[in-house]
């Protein structure tokens, strides 16, 4: 469970930082700020990478999450960075709540707080 808990901790940190990137910013403000936009795109890609490390049985418990799309975003952002649509980045950043809920649920399930 330690590896799962570490992965969930990593996911929690990435989500928190991605949320900070968009907090109190409009879409136009985000896109105009290269540092914030680049950081957010990187964090979303790393969320996709981190989710790829989660076990299949965990993913099966949460079929409502876009597992394949998260992995695809990661690959696209890593290999065709300048082809990433800013609207997609914005939408993904504003849609992290279900992933955060899954992470909290699975951390409780795995007793990650009891380490």
PDB file of N, CA and C in Angstrom:
ATOM      1  N   UNK A   1       0.813  -1.209   0.000  1.00  0.00           N
ATOM      2  CA  UNK A   1       0.000   0.000   0.000  1.00  0.00           C
ATOM      3  C   UNK A   1       0.850   1.266   0.000  1.00  0.00           C
ATOM      4  N   UNK A   2       2.100   1.143   0.444  1.00  0.00           N
ATOM      5  CA  UNK A   2       2.946   2.335   0.512  1.00  0.00           C
ATOM      6  C   UNK A   2       3.105   2.970  -0.864  1.00  0.00           C
ATOM      7  N   UNK A   3       3.326   2.153  -1.899  1.00  0.00           N
ATOM      8  CA  UNK A   3       3.469   2.714  -3.239  1.00  0.00           C
ATOM      9  C   UNK A   3       2.191   3.408  -3.684  1.00  0.00           C
ATOM     10  N   UNK A   4       1.048   2.811  -3.409  1.00  0.00           N
ATOM     11  CA  UNK A   4      -0.220   3.433  -3.766  1.00  0.00           C
ATOM     12  C   UNK A   4      -0.388   4.744  -3.015  1.00  0.00           C
ATOM     13  N   UNK A   5      -0.086   4.734  -1.741  1.00  0.00           N
ATOM     14  CA  UNK A   5      -0.218   5.956  -0.947  1.00  0.00           C
ATOM     15  C   UNK A   5       0.721   7.045  -1.454  1.00  0.00           C
ATOM     16  N   UNK A   6       1.931   6.676  -1.835  1.00  0.00           N
ATOM     17  CA  UNK A   6       2.866   7.653  -2.403  1.00  0.00           C
ATOM     18  C   UNK A   6       2.316   8.224  -3.703  1.00  0.00           C
ATOM     19  N   UNK A   7       1.757   7.384  -4.539  1.00  0.00           N
ATOM     20  CA  UNK A   7       1.193   7.833  -5.805  1.00  0.00           C
ATOM     21  C   UNK A   7       0.001   8.752  -5.557  1.00  0.00           C
ATOM     22  N   UNK A   8      -0.843   8.408  -4.603  1.00  0.00           N
ATOM     23  CA  UNK A   8      -1.991   9.261  -4.268  1.00  0.00           C
ATOM     24  C   UNK A   8      -1.530  10.588  -3.676  1.00  0.00           C
ATOM     25  N   UNK A   9      -0.464  10.566  -2.876  1.00  0.00           N
ATOM     26  CA  UNK A   9       0.109  11.810  -2.348  1.00  0.00           C
ATOM     27  C   UNK A   9       0.618  12.698  -3.484  1.00  0.00           C
ATOM     28  N   UNK A  10       1.300  12.079  -4.445  1.00  0.00           N
ATOM     29  CA  UNK A  10       1.798  12.832  -5.600  1.00  0.00           C
ATOM     30  C   UNK A  10       0.629  13.457  -6.359  1.00  0.00           C
ATOM     31  N   UNK A  11      -0.418  12.682  -6.539  1.00  0.00           N
ATOM     32  CA  UNK A  11      -1.601  13.161  -7.242  1.00  0.00           C
ATOM     33  C   UNK A  11      -2.239  14.332  -6.497  1.00  0.00           C
ATOM     34  N   UNK A  12      -2.328  14.219  -5.187  1.00  0.00           N
ATOM     35  CA  UNK A  12      -2.903  15.304  -4.386  1.00  0.00           C
ATOM     36  C   UNK A  12      -2.108  16.596  -4.549  1.00  0.00           C
ATOM     37  N   UNK A  13      -0.796  16.492  -4.535  1.00  0.00           N
ATOM     38  CA  UNK A  13       0.054  17.673  -4.684  1.00  0.00           C
ATOM     39  C   UNK A  13      -0.110  18.296  -6.070  1.00  0.00           C
ATOM     40  N   UNK A  14      -0.135  17.468  -7.097  1.00  0.00           N
ATOM     41  CA  UNK A  14      -0.308  17.985  -8.455  1.00  0.00           C
ATOM     42  C   UNK A  14      -1.659  18.670  -8.631  1.00  0.00           C
ATOM     43  N   UNK A  15      -2.704  18.082  -8.083  1.00  0.00           N
ATOM     44  CA  UNK A  15      -4.037  18.687  -8.174  1.00  0.00           C
ATOM     45  C   UNK A  15      -4.054  20.022  -7.447  1.00  0.00           C
ATOM     46  N   UNK A  16      -3.491  20.052  -6.249  1.00  0.00           N
ATOM     47  CA  UNK A  16      -3.445  21.300  -5.473  1.00  0.00           C
ATOM     48  C   UNK A  16      -2.723  22.392  -6.259  1.00  0.00           C
ATOM     49  N   UNK A  17      -1.601  22.061  -6.849  1.00  0.00           N
ATOM     50  CA  UNK A  17      -0.836  23.057  -7.603  1.00  0.00           C
ATOM     51  C   UNK A  17      -1.546  23.474  -8.885  1.00  0.00           C
ATOM     52  N   UNK A  18      -2.220  22.545  -9.537  1.00  0.00           N
ATOM     53  CA  UNK A  18      -2.982  22.894 -10.737  1.00  0.00           C
ATOM     54  C   UNK A  18      -4.124  23.838 -10.376  1.00  0.00           C
ATOM     55  N   UNK A  19      -4.793  23.551  -9.270  1.00  0.00           N
ATOM     56  CA  UNK A  19      -5.883  24.433  -8.826  1.00  0.00           C
ATOM     57  C   UNK A  19      -5.360  25.828  -8.504  1.00  0.00           C
ATOM     58  N   UNK A  20      -4.170  25.903  -7.919  1.00  0.00           N
ATOM     59  CA  UNK A  20      -3.573  27.212  -7.619  1.00  0.00           C
ATOM     60  C   UNK A  20      -3.286  28.004  -8.894  1.00  0.00           C
ATOM     61  N   UNK A  21      -2.955  27.293  -9.958  1.00  0.00           N
ATOM     62  CA  UNK A  21      -2.647  27.958 -11.226  1.00  0.00           C
ATOM     63  C   UNK A  21      -3.847  28.704 -11.804  1.00  0.00           C
ATOM     64  N   UNK A  22      -5.045  28.210 -11.544  1.00  0.00           N
ATOM     65  CA  UNK A  22      -6.236  28.852 -12.113  1.00  0.00           C
ATOM     66  C   UNK A  22      -7.024  29.670 -11.102  1.00  0.00           C
ATOM     67  N   UNK A  23      -6.715  29.506  -9.830  1.00  0.00           N
ATOM     68  CA  UNK A  23      -7.451  30.240  -8.795  1.00  0.00           C
ATOM     69  C   UNK A  23      -7.305  31.748  -9.030  1.00  0.00           C
ATOM     70  N   UNK A  24      -8.414  32.435  -9.019  1.00  0.00           N
ATOM     71  CA  UNK A  24      -8.466  33.893  -9.178  1.00  0.00           C
ATOM     72  C   UNK A  24      -7.931  34.374 -10.528  1.00  0.00           C
ATOM     73  N   UNK A  25      -7.942  33.495 -11.526  1.00  0.00           N
ATOM     74  CA  UNK A  25      -7.515  33.892 -12.876  1.00  0.00           C
ATOM     75  C   UNK A  25      -8.638  33.575 -13.851  1.00  0.00           C
ATOM     76  N   UNK A  26      -8.832  34.459 -14.789  1.00  0.00           N
ATOM     77  CA  UNK A  26      -9.733  34.168 -15.899  1.00  0.00           C
ATOM     78  C   UNK A  26      -8.939  33.392 -16.949  1.00  0.00           C
ATOM     79  N   UNK A  27      -9.634  32.861 -17.930  1.00  0.00           N
ATOM     80  CA  UNK A  27      -8.975  32.174 -19.037  1.00  0.00           C
ATOM     81  C   UNK A  27      -7.956  33.098 -19.707  1.00  0.00           C
ATOM     82  N   UNK A  28      -8.370  34.321 -20.014  1.00  0.00           N
ATOM     83  CA  UNK A  28      -7.475  35.259 -20.700  1.00  0.00           C
ATOM     84  C   UNK A  28      -6.254  35.588 -19.849  1.00  0.00           C
ATOM     85  N   UNK A  29      -6.443  35.734 -18.551  1.00  0.00           N
ATOM     86  CA  UNK A  29      -5.303  36.004 -17.665  1.00  0.00           C
ATOM     87  C   UNK A  29      -4.336  34.831 -17.634  1.00  0.00           C
ATOM     88  N   UNK A  30      -4.879  33.627 -17.615  1.00  0.00           N
ATOM     89  CA  UNK A  30      -4.014  32.448 -17.605  1.00  0.00           C
ATOM     90  C   UNK A  30      -3.193  32.367 -18.888  1.00  0.00           C
ATOM     91  N   UNK A  31      -3.845  32.499 -20.024  1.00  0.00           N
ATOM     92  CA  UNK A  31      -3.157  32.358 -21.306  1.00  0.00           C
ATOM     93  C   UNK A  31      -2.124  33.479 -21.506  1.00  0.00           C
ATOM     94  N   UNK A  32      -2.379  34.652 -20.942  1.00  0.00           N
ATOM     95  CA  UNK A  32      -1.442  35.771 -21.062  1.00  0.00           C
ATOM     96  C   UNK A  32      -0.219  35.607 -20.164  1.00  0.00           C
ATOM     97  N   UNK A  33      -0.303  34.709 -19.186  1.00  0.00           N
ATOM     98  CA  UNK A  33       0.797  34.498 -18.242  1.00  0.00           C
ATOM     99  C   UNK A  33       1.517  33.200 -18.619  1.00  0.00           C
ATOM    100  N   UNK A  34       2.601  33.327 -19.360  1.00  0.00           N
ATOM    101  CA  UNK A  34       3.316  32.146 -19.848  1.00  0.00           C
ATOM    102  C   UNK A  34       3.740  31.213 -18.730  1.00  0.00           C
ATOM    103  N   UNK A  35       4.234  31.757 -17.638  1.00  0.00           N
ATOM    104  CA  UNK A  35       4.713  30.927 -16.521  1.00  0.00           C
ATOM    105  C   UNK A  35       3.566  30.108 -15.926  1.00  0.00           C
ATOM    106  N   UNK A  36       2.439  30.745 -15.679  1.00  0.00           N
ATOM    107  CA  UNK A  36       1.294  30.051 -15.089  1.00  0.00           C
ATOM    108  C   UNK A  36       0.727  29.019 -16.063  1.00  0.00           C
ATOM    109  N   UNK A  37       0.625  29.391 -17.338  1.00  0.00           N
ATOM    110  CA  UNK A  37       0.076  28.480 -18.335  1.00  0.00           C
ATOM    111  C   UNK A  37       0.985  27.259 -18.515  1.00  0.00           C
ATOM    112  N   UNK A  38       2.281  27.493 -18.627  1.00  0.00           N
ATOM    113  CA  UNK A  38       3.223  26.382 -18.782  1.00  0.00           C
ATOM    114  C   UNK A  38       3.198  25.471 -17.560  1.00  0.00           C
ATOM    115  N   UNK A  39       3.168  26.056 -16.370  1.00  0.00           N
ATOM    116  CA  UNK A  39       3.133  25.256 -15.141  1.00  0.00           C
ATOM    117  C   UNK A  39       1.856  24.423 -15.083  1.00  0.00           C
ATOM    118  N   UNK A  40       0.746  25.031 -15.438  1.00  0.00           N
ATOM    119  CA  UNK A  40      -0.522  24.303 -15.413  1.00  0.00           C
ATOM    120  C   UNK A  40      -0.514  23.152 -16.418  1.00  0.00           C
ATOM    121  N   UNK A  41      -0.044  23.415 -17.620  1.00  0.00           N
ATOM    122  CA  UNK A  41      -0.004  22.361 -18.639  1.00  0.00           C
ATOM    123  C   UNK A  41       0.889  21.214 -18.184  1.00  0.00           C
ATOM    124  N   UNK A  42       2.022  21.539 -17.606  1.00  0.00           N
ATOM    125  CA  UNK A  42       2.926  20.511 -17.079  1.00  0.00           C
ATOM    126  C   UNK A  42       2.232  19.707 -15.978  1.00  0.00           C
ATOM    127  N   UNK A  43       1.579  20.382 -15.057  1.00  0.00           N
ATOM    128  CA  UNK A  43       0.917  19.688 -13.946  1.00  0.00           C
ATOM    129  C   UNK A  43      -0.194  18.780 -14.439  1.00  0.00           C
ATOM    130  N   UNK A  44      -0.963  19.234 -15.409  1.00  0.00           N
ATOM    131  CA  UNK A  44      -2.014  18.381 -15.963  1.00  0.00           C
ATOM    132  C   UNK A  44      -1.414  17.160 -16.646  1.00  0.00           C
ATOM    133  N   UNK A  45      -0.315  17.354 -17.346  1.00  0.00           N
ATOM    134  CA  UNK A  45       0.366  16.215 -17.965  1.00  0.00           C
ATOM    135  C   UNK A  45       0.861  15.243 -16.904  1.00  0.00           C
ATOM    136  N   UNK A  46       1.384  15.757 -15.813  1.00  0.00           N
ATOM    137  CA  UNK A  46       1.883  14.892 -14.746  1.00  0.00           C
ATOM    138  C   UNK A  46       0.742  14.202 -13.993  1.00  0.00           C
ATOM    139  N   UNK A  47      -0.427  14.842 -13.930  1.00  0.00           N
ATOM    140  CA  UNK A  47      -1.600  14.164 -13.374  1.00  0.00           C
ATOM    141  C   UNK A  47      -1.917  12.950 -14.249  1.00  0.00           C
ATOM    142  N   UNK A  48      -1.878  13.136 -15.560  1.00  0.00           N
ATOM    143  CA  UNK A  48      -2.102  12.010 -16.468  1.00  0.00           C
ATOM    144  C   UNK A  48      -1.069  10.922 -16.291  1.00  0.00           C
ATOM    145  N   UNK A  49       0.183  11.302 -16.145  1.00  0.00           N
ATOM    146  CA  UNK A  49       1.259  10.323 -15.945  1.00  0.00           C
ATOM    147  C   UNK A  49       1.087   9.589 -14.621  1.00  0.00           C
ATOM    148  N   UNK A  50       0.761  10.312 -13.575  1.00  0.00           N
ATOM    149  CA  UNK A  50       0.576   9.706 -12.257  1.00  0.00           C
ATOM    150  C   UNK A  50      -0.612   8.755 -12.260  1.00  0.00           C
ATOM    151  N   UNK A  51      -1.685   9.137 -12.924  1.00  0.00           N
ATOM    152  CA  UNK A  51      -2.867   8.263 -12.990  1.00  0.00           C
ATOM    153  C   UNK A  51      -2.570   6.967 -13.729  1.00  0.00           C
ATOM    154  N   UNK A  52      -1.625   6.995 -14.669  1.00  0.00           N
ATOM    155  CA  UNK A  52      -1.255   5.767 -15.371  1.00  0.00           C
ATOM    156  C   UNK A  52      -0.625   4.748 -14.419  1.00  0.00           C
ATOM    157  N   UNK A  53      -0.089   5.222 -13.301  1.00  0.00           N
ATOM    158  CA  UNK A  53       0.549   4.340 -12.315  1.00  0.00           C
ATOM    159  C   UNK A  53      -0.454   3.680 -11.365  1.00  0.00           C
ATOM    160  N   UNK A  54      -1.683   4.143 -11.374  1.00  0.00           N
ATOM    161  CA  UNK A  54      -2.688   3.594 -10.470  1.00  0.00           C
ATOM    162  C   UNK A  54      -3.108   2.203 -10.929  1.00  0.00           C
ATOM    163  N   UNK A  55      -3.383   1.302  -9.986  1.00  0.00           N
ATOM    164  CA  UNK A  55      -3.748  -0.070 -10.363  1.00  0.00           C
ATOM    165  C   UNK A  55      -5.095  -0.138 -11.088  1.00  0.00           C
ATOM    166  N   UNK A  56      -5.229  -1.154 -11.924  1.00  0.00           N
ATOM    167  CA  UNK A  56      -6.439  -1.330 -12.720  1.00  0.00           C
ATOM    168  C   UNK A  56      -7.688  -1.501 -11.868  1.00  0.00           C
ATOM    169  N   UNK A  57      -7.576  -2.184 -10.720  1.00  0.00           N
ATOM    170  CA  UNK A  57      -8.766  -2.379  -9.886  1.00  0.00           C
ATOM    171  C   UNK A  57      -9.254  -1.051  -9.317  1.00  0.00           C
ATOM    172  N   UNK A  58      -8.350  -0.140  -9.022  1.00  0.00           N
ATOM    173  CA  UNK A  58      -8.744   1.190  -8.560  1.00  0.00           C
ATOM    174  C   UNK A  58      -9.476   1.923  -9.680  1.00  0.00           C
ATOM    175  N   UNK A  59      -8.936   1.873 -10.876  1.00  0.00           N
ATOM    176  CA  UNK A  59      -9.580   2.540 -12.009  1.00  0.00           C
ATOM    177  C   UNK A  59     -10.958   1.944 -12.276  1.00  0.00           C
ATOM    178  N   UNK A  60     -11.082   0.654 -12.095  1.00  0.00           N
ATOM    179  CA  UNK A  60     -12.375  -0.003 -12.309  1.00  0.00           C
ATOM    180  C   UNK A  60     -13.418   0.467 -11.301  1.00  0.00           C
ATOM    181  N   UNK A  61     -12.987   0.849 -10.104  1.00  0.00           N
ATOM    182  CA  UNK A  61     -13.926   1.374  -9.098  1.00  0.00           C
ATOM    183  C   UNK A  61     -14.407   2.783  -9.444  1.00  0.00           C
ATOM    184  N   UNK A  62     -13.751   3.418 -10.386  1.00  0.00           N
ATOM    185  CA  UNK A  62     -14.080   4.801 -10.751  1.00  0.00           C
ATOM    186  C   UNK A  62     -14.203   4.922 -12.273  1.00  0.00           C
ATOM    187  N   UNK A  63     -15.151   4.191 -12.855  1.00  0.00           N
ATOM    188  CA  UNK A  63     -15.267   4.188 -14.325  1.00  0.00           C
ATOM    189  C   UNK A  63     -15.723   5.525 -14.903  1.00  0.00           C
ATOM    190  N   UNK A  64     -16.226   6.415 -14.057  1.00  0.00           N
ATOM    191  CA  UNK A  64     -16.696   7.722 -14.518  1.00  0.00           C
ATOM    192  C   UNK A  64     -15.544   8.683 -14.836  1.00  0.00           C
ATOM    193  N   UNK A  65     -14.340   8.336 -14.413  1.00  0.00           N
ATOM    194  CA  UNK A  65     -13.205   9.222 -14.675  1.00  0.00           C
ATOM    195  C   UNK A  65     -12.622   8.956 -16.065  1.00  0.00           C
ATOM    196  N   UNK A  66     -12.131   9.995 -16.708  1.00  0.00           N
ATOM    197  CA  UNK A  66     -11.616   9.860 -18.088  1.00  0.00           C
ATOM    198  C   UNK A  66     -10.159   9.373 -18.111  1.00  0.00           C
ATOM    199  N   UNK A  67      -9.947   8.140 -17.680  1.00  0.00           N
ATOM    200  CA  UNK A  67      -8.585   7.605 -17.560  1.00  0.00           C
ATOM    201  C   UNK A  67      -7.815   7.709 -18.867  1.00  0.00           C
ATOM    202  N   UNK A  68      -8.410   7.242 -19.944  1.00  0.00           N
ATOM    203  CA  UNK A  68      -7.705   7.241 -21.230  1.00  0.00           C
ATOM    204  C   UNK A  68      -7.414   8.666 -21.693  1.00  0.00           C
ATOM    205  N   UNK A  69      -8.370   9.571 -21.488  1.00  0.00           N
ATOM    206  CA  UNK A  69      -8.170  10.952 -21.913  1.00  0.00           C
ATOM    207  C   UNK A  69      -7.050  11.618 -21.124  1.00  0.00           C
ATOM    208  N   UNK A  70      -6.943  11.304 -19.836  1.00  0.00           N
ATOM    209  CA  UNK A  70      -5.858  11.881 -19.032  1.00  0.00           C
ATOM    210  C   UNK A  70      -4.504  11.411 -19.548  1.00  0.00           C
ATOM    211  N   UNK A  71      -4.394  10.136 -19.867  1.00  0.00           N
ATOM    212  CA  UNK A  71      -3.140   9.601 -20.403  1.00  0.00           C
ATOM    213  C   UNK A  71      -2.849  10.191 -21.778  1.00  0.00           C
ATOM    214  N   UNK A  72      -3.883  10.344 -22.586  1.00  0.00           N
ATOM    215  CA  UNK A  72      -3.715  10.922 -23.916  1.00  0.00           C
ATOM    216  C   UNK A  72      -3.251  12.373 -23.816  1.00  0.00           C
ATOM    217  N   UNK A  73      -3.836  13.127 -22.889  1.00  0.00           N
ATOM    218  CA  UNK A  73      -3.413  14.515 -22.695  1.00  0.00           C
ATOM    219  C   UNK A  73      -1.942  14.560 -22.327  1.00  0.00           C
ATOM    220  N   UNK A  74      -1.528  13.685 -21.437  1.00  0.00           N
ATOM    221  CA  UNK A  74      -0.132  13.643 -21.014  1.00  0.00           C
ATOM    222  C   UNK A  74       0.775  13.410 -22.219  1.00  0.00           C
ATOM    223  N   UNK A  75       0.424  12.443 -23.052  1.00  0.00           N
ATOM    224  CA  UNK A  75       1.245  12.138 -24.218  1.00  0.00           C
ATOM    225  C   UNK A  75       1.270  13.311 -25.198  1.00  0.00           C
ATOM    226  N   UNK A  76       0.134  13.890 -25.429  1.00  0.00           N
ATOM    227  CA  UNK A  76       0.037  15.004 -26.365  1.00  0.00           C
ATOM    228  C   UNK A  76       0.823  16.209 -25.855  1.00  0.00           C
ATOM    229  N   UNK A  77       0.652  16.546 -24.575  1.00  0.00           N
ATOM    230  CA  UNK A  77       1.355  17.695 -23.994  1.00  0.00           C
ATOM    231  C   UNK A  77       2.863  17.479 -23.996  1.00  0.00           C
ATOM    232  N   UNK A  78       3.285  16.244 -23.832  1.00  0.00           N
ATOM    233  CA  UNK A  78       4.713  15.954 -23.798  1.00  0.00           C
ATOM    234  C   UNK A  78       5.352  15.923 -25.179  1.00  0.00           C
ATOM    235  N   UNK A  79       4.590  15.499 -26.182  1.00  0.00           N
ATOM    236  CA  UNK A  79       5.180  15.289 -27.503  1.00  0.00           C
ATOM    237  C   UNK A  79       4.799  16.336 -28.536  1.00  0.00           C
ATOM    238  N   UNK A  80       3.737  17.095 -28.279  1.00  0.00           N
ATOM    239  CA  UNK A  80       3.315  18.138 -29.209  1.00  0.00           C
ATOM    240  C   UNK A  80       2.852  19.343 -28.400  1.00  0.00           C
ATOM    241  N   UNK A  81       3.739  19.821 -27.533  1.00  0.00           N
ATOM    242  CA  UNK A  81       3.384  20.848 -26.556  1.00  0.00           C
ATOM    243  C   UNK A  81       2.706  22.053 -27.197  1.00  0.00           C
ATOM    244  N   UNK A  82       3.254  22.533 -28.295  1.00  0.00           N
ATOM    245  CA  UNK A  82       2.700  23.744 -28.913  1.00  0.00           C
ATOM    246  C   UNK A  82       1.407  23.478 -29.667  1.00  0.00           C
ATOM    247  N   UNK A  83       1.030  22.214 -29.781  1.00  0.00           N
ATOM    248  CA  UNK A  83      -0.237  21.869 -30.404  1.00  0.00           C
ATOM    249  C   UNK A  83      -1.384  21.750 -29.412  1.00  0.00           C
ATOM    250  N   UNK A  84      -1.090  21.905 -28.124  1.00  0.00           N
ATOM    251  CA  UNK A  84      -2.117  21.776 -27.086  1.00  0.00           C
ATOM    252  C   UNK A  84      -3.048  22.982 -27.133  1.00  0.00           C
ATOM    253  N   UNK A  85      -4.327  22.719 -27.170  1.00  0.00           N
ATOM    254  CA  UNK A  85      -5.347  23.765 -27.206  1.00  0.00           C
ATOM    255  C   UNK A  85      -5.516  24.358 -25.808  1.00  0.00           C
ATOM    256  N   UNK A  86      -5.351  25.666 -25.704  1.00  0.00           N
ATOM    257  CA  UNK A  86      -5.469  26.346 -24.416  1.00  0.00           C
ATOM    258  C   UNK A  86      -6.846  26.146 -23.793  1.00  0.00           C
ATOM    259  N   UNK A  87      -7.886  26.050 -24.616  1.00  0.00           N
ATOM    260  CA  UNK A  87      -9.231  25.808 -24.078  1.00  0.00           C
ATOM    261  C   UNK A  87      -9.318  24.445 -23.400  1.00  0.00           C
ATOM    262  N   UNK A  88      -8.621  23.456 -23.959  1.00  0.00           N
ATOM    263  CA  UNK A  88      -8.586  22.130 -23.347  1.00  0.00           C
ATOM    264  C   UNK A  88      -7.863  22.163 -22.007  1.00  0.00           C
ATOM    265  N   UNK A  89      -6.765  22.900 -21.947  1.00  0.00           N
ATOM    266  CA  UNK A  89      -6.022  23.053 -20.686  1.00  0.00           C
ATOM    267  C   UNK A  89      -6.930  23.690 -19.640  1.00  0.00           C
ATOM    268  N   UNK A  90      -7.604  24.754 -20.012  1.00  0.00           N
ATOM    269  CA  UNK A  90      -8.505  25.457 -19.093  1.00  0.00           C
ATOM    270  C   UNK A  90      -9.623  24.533 -18.610  1.00  0.00           C
ATOM    271  N   UNK A  91     -10.245  23.833 -19.544  1.00  0.00           N
ATOM    272  CA  UNK A  91     -11.345  22.927 -19.193  1.00  0.00           C
ATOM    273  C   UNK A  91     -10.855  21.823 -18.257  1.00  0.00           C
ATOM    274  N   UNK A  92      -9.705  21.253 -18.552  1.00  0.00           N
ATOM    275  CA  UNK A  92      -9.153  20.188 -17.702  1.00  0.00           C
ATOM    276  C   UNK A  92      -8.863  20.714 -16.296  1.00  0.00           C
ATOM    277  N   UNK A  93      -8.305  21.901 -16.216  1.00  0.00           N
ATOM    278  CA  UNK A  93      -7.976  22.476 -14.911  1.00  0.00           C
ATOM    279  C   UNK A  93      -9.220  22.773 -14.088  1.00  0.00           C
ATOM    280  N   UNK A  94     -10.324  23.069 -14.751  1.00  0.00           N
ATOM    281  CA  UNK A  94     -11.575  23.376 -14.064  1.00  0.00           C
ATOM    282  C   UNK A  94     -12.390  22.116 -13.782  1.00  0.00           C
ATOM    283  N   UNK A  95     -11.848  20.946 -14.129  1.00  0.00           N
ATOM    284  CA  UNK A  95     -12.573  19.678 -13.982  1.00  0.00           C
ATOM    285  C   UNK A  95     -11.835  18.685 -13.096  1.00  0.00           C
ATOM    286  N   UNK A  96     -11.082  19.168 -12.144  1.00  0.00           N
ATOM    287  CA  UNK A  96     -10.262  18.287 -11.307  1.00  0.00           C
ATOM    288  C   UNK A  96     -11.001  17.723 -10.096  1.00  0.00           C
ATOM    289  N   UNK A  97     -12.154  18.262  -9.787  1.00  0.00           N
ATOM    290  CA  UNK A  97     -12.878  17.851  -8.571  1.00  0.00           C
ATOM    291  C   UNK A  97     -13.165  16.348  -8.519  1.00  0.00           C
ATOM    292  N   UNK A  98     -13.640  15.719  -9.592  1.00  0.00           N
ATOM    293  CA  UNK A  98     -13.884  14.265  -9.529  1.00  0.00           C
ATOM    294  C   UNK A  98     -12.595  13.451  -9.304  1.00  0.00           C
ATOM    295  N   UNK A  99     -11.487  13.926  -9.852  1.00  0.00           N
ATOM    296  CA  UNK A  99     -10.215  13.229  -9.645  1.00  0.00           C
ATOM    297  C   UNK A  99      -9.785  13.389  -8.190  1.00  0.00           C
ATOM    298  N   UNK A 100      -9.977  14.582  -7.653  1.00  0.00           N
ATOM    299  CA  UNK A 100      -9.643  14.824  -6.250  1.00  0.00           C
ATOM    300  C   UNK A 100     -10.512  13.955  -5.336  1.00  0.00           C
ATOM    301  N   UNK A 101     -11.789  13.834  -5.645  1.00  0.00           N
ATOM    302  CA  UNK A 101     -12.687  12.998  -4.838  1.00  0.00           C
ATOM    303  C   UNK A 101     -12.248  11.541  -4.878  1.00  0.00           C
ATOM    304  N   UNK A 102     -11.855  11.053  -6.058  1.00  0.00           N
ATOM    305  CA  UNK A 102     -11.357   9.681  -6.178  1.00  0.00           C
ATOM    306  C   UNK A 102     -10.109   9.499  -5.341  1.00  0.00           C
ATOM    307  N   UNK A 103      -9.190  10.453  -5.419  1.00  0.00           N
ATOM    308  CA  UNK A 103      -7.936  10.373  -4.682  1.00  0.00           C
ATOM    309  C   UNK A 103      -8.192  10.311  -3.172  1.00  0.00           C
ATOM    310  N   UNK A 104      -9.092  11.135  -2.679  1.00  0.00           N
ATOM    311  CA  UNK A 104      -9.416  11.130  -1.250  1.00  0.00           C
ATOM    312  C   UNK A 104     -10.075   9.817  -0.842  1.00  0.00           C
ATOM    313  N   UNK A 105     -10.991   9.328  -1.665  1.00  0.00           N
ATOM    314  CA  UNK A 105     -11.663   8.061  -1.400  1.00  0.00           C
ATOM    315  C   UNK A 105     -10.661   6.909  -1.339  1.00  0.00           C
ATOM    316  N   UNK A 106      -9.772   6.851  -2.308  1.00  0.00           N
ATOM    317  CA  UNK A 106      -8.798   5.764  -2.352  1.00  0.00           C
ATOM    318  C   UNK A 106      -7.753   5.886  -1.256  1.00  0.00           C
ATOM    319  N   UNK A 107      -7.402   7.084  -0.854  1.00  0.00           N
ATOM    320  CA  UNK A 107      -6.460   7.270   0.258  1.00  0.00           C
ATOM    321  C   UNK A 107      -7.081   6.756   1.556  1.00  0.00           C
ATOM    322  N   UNK A 108      -8.368   7.004   1.736  1.00  0.00           N
ATOM    323  CA  UNK A 108      -9.061   6.470   2.926  1.00  0.00           C
ATOM    324  C   UNK A 108      -9.124   4.950   2.857  1.00  0.00           C
ATOM    325  N   UNK A 109      -9.464   4.436   1.697  1.00  0.00           N
ATOM    326  CA  UNK A 109      -9.578   2.991   1.491  1.00  0.00           C
ATOM    327  C   UNK A 109      -8.264   2.272   1.797  1.00  0.00           C
ATOM    328  N   UNK A 110      -7.157   2.900   1.409  1.00  0.00           N
ATOM    329  CA  UNK A 110      -5.832   2.316   1.587  1.00  0.00           C
ATOM    330  C   UNK A 110      -5.196   2.688   2.928  1.00  0.00           C
ATOM    331  N   UNK A 111      -5.946   3.410   3.770  1.00  0.00           N
ATOM    332  CA  UNK A 111      -5.428   3.854   5.061  1.00  0.00           C
ATOM    333  C   UNK A 111      -4.127   4.645   4.928  1.00  0.00           C
ATOM    334  N   UNK A 112      -4.071   5.514   3.951  1.00  0.00           N
ATOM    335  CA  UNK A 112      -2.858   6.271   3.698  1.00  0.00           C
ATOM    336  C   UNK A 112      -2.537   7.278   4.812  1.00  0.00           C
ATOM    337  N   UNK A 113      -3.544   7.728   5.498  1.00  0.00           N
ATOM    338  CA  UNK A 113      -3.298   8.668   6.582  1.00  0.00           C
ATOM    339  C   UNK A 113      -2.685   8.029   7.808  1.00  0.00           C
ATOM    340  N   UNK A 114      -2.668   6.709   7.848  1.00  0.00           N
ATOM    341  CA  UNK A 114      -2.184   5.984   9.027  1.00  0.00           C
ATOM    342  C   UNK A 114      -0.739   5.542   8.884  1.00  0.00           C
ATOM    343  N   UNK A 115       0.010   6.175   7.973  1.00  0.00           N
ATOM    344  CA  UNK A 115       1.387   5.724   7.777  1.00  0.00           C
ATOM    345  C   UNK A 115       2.299   6.235   8.843  1.00  0.00           C
TER     346      UNK A 115
END
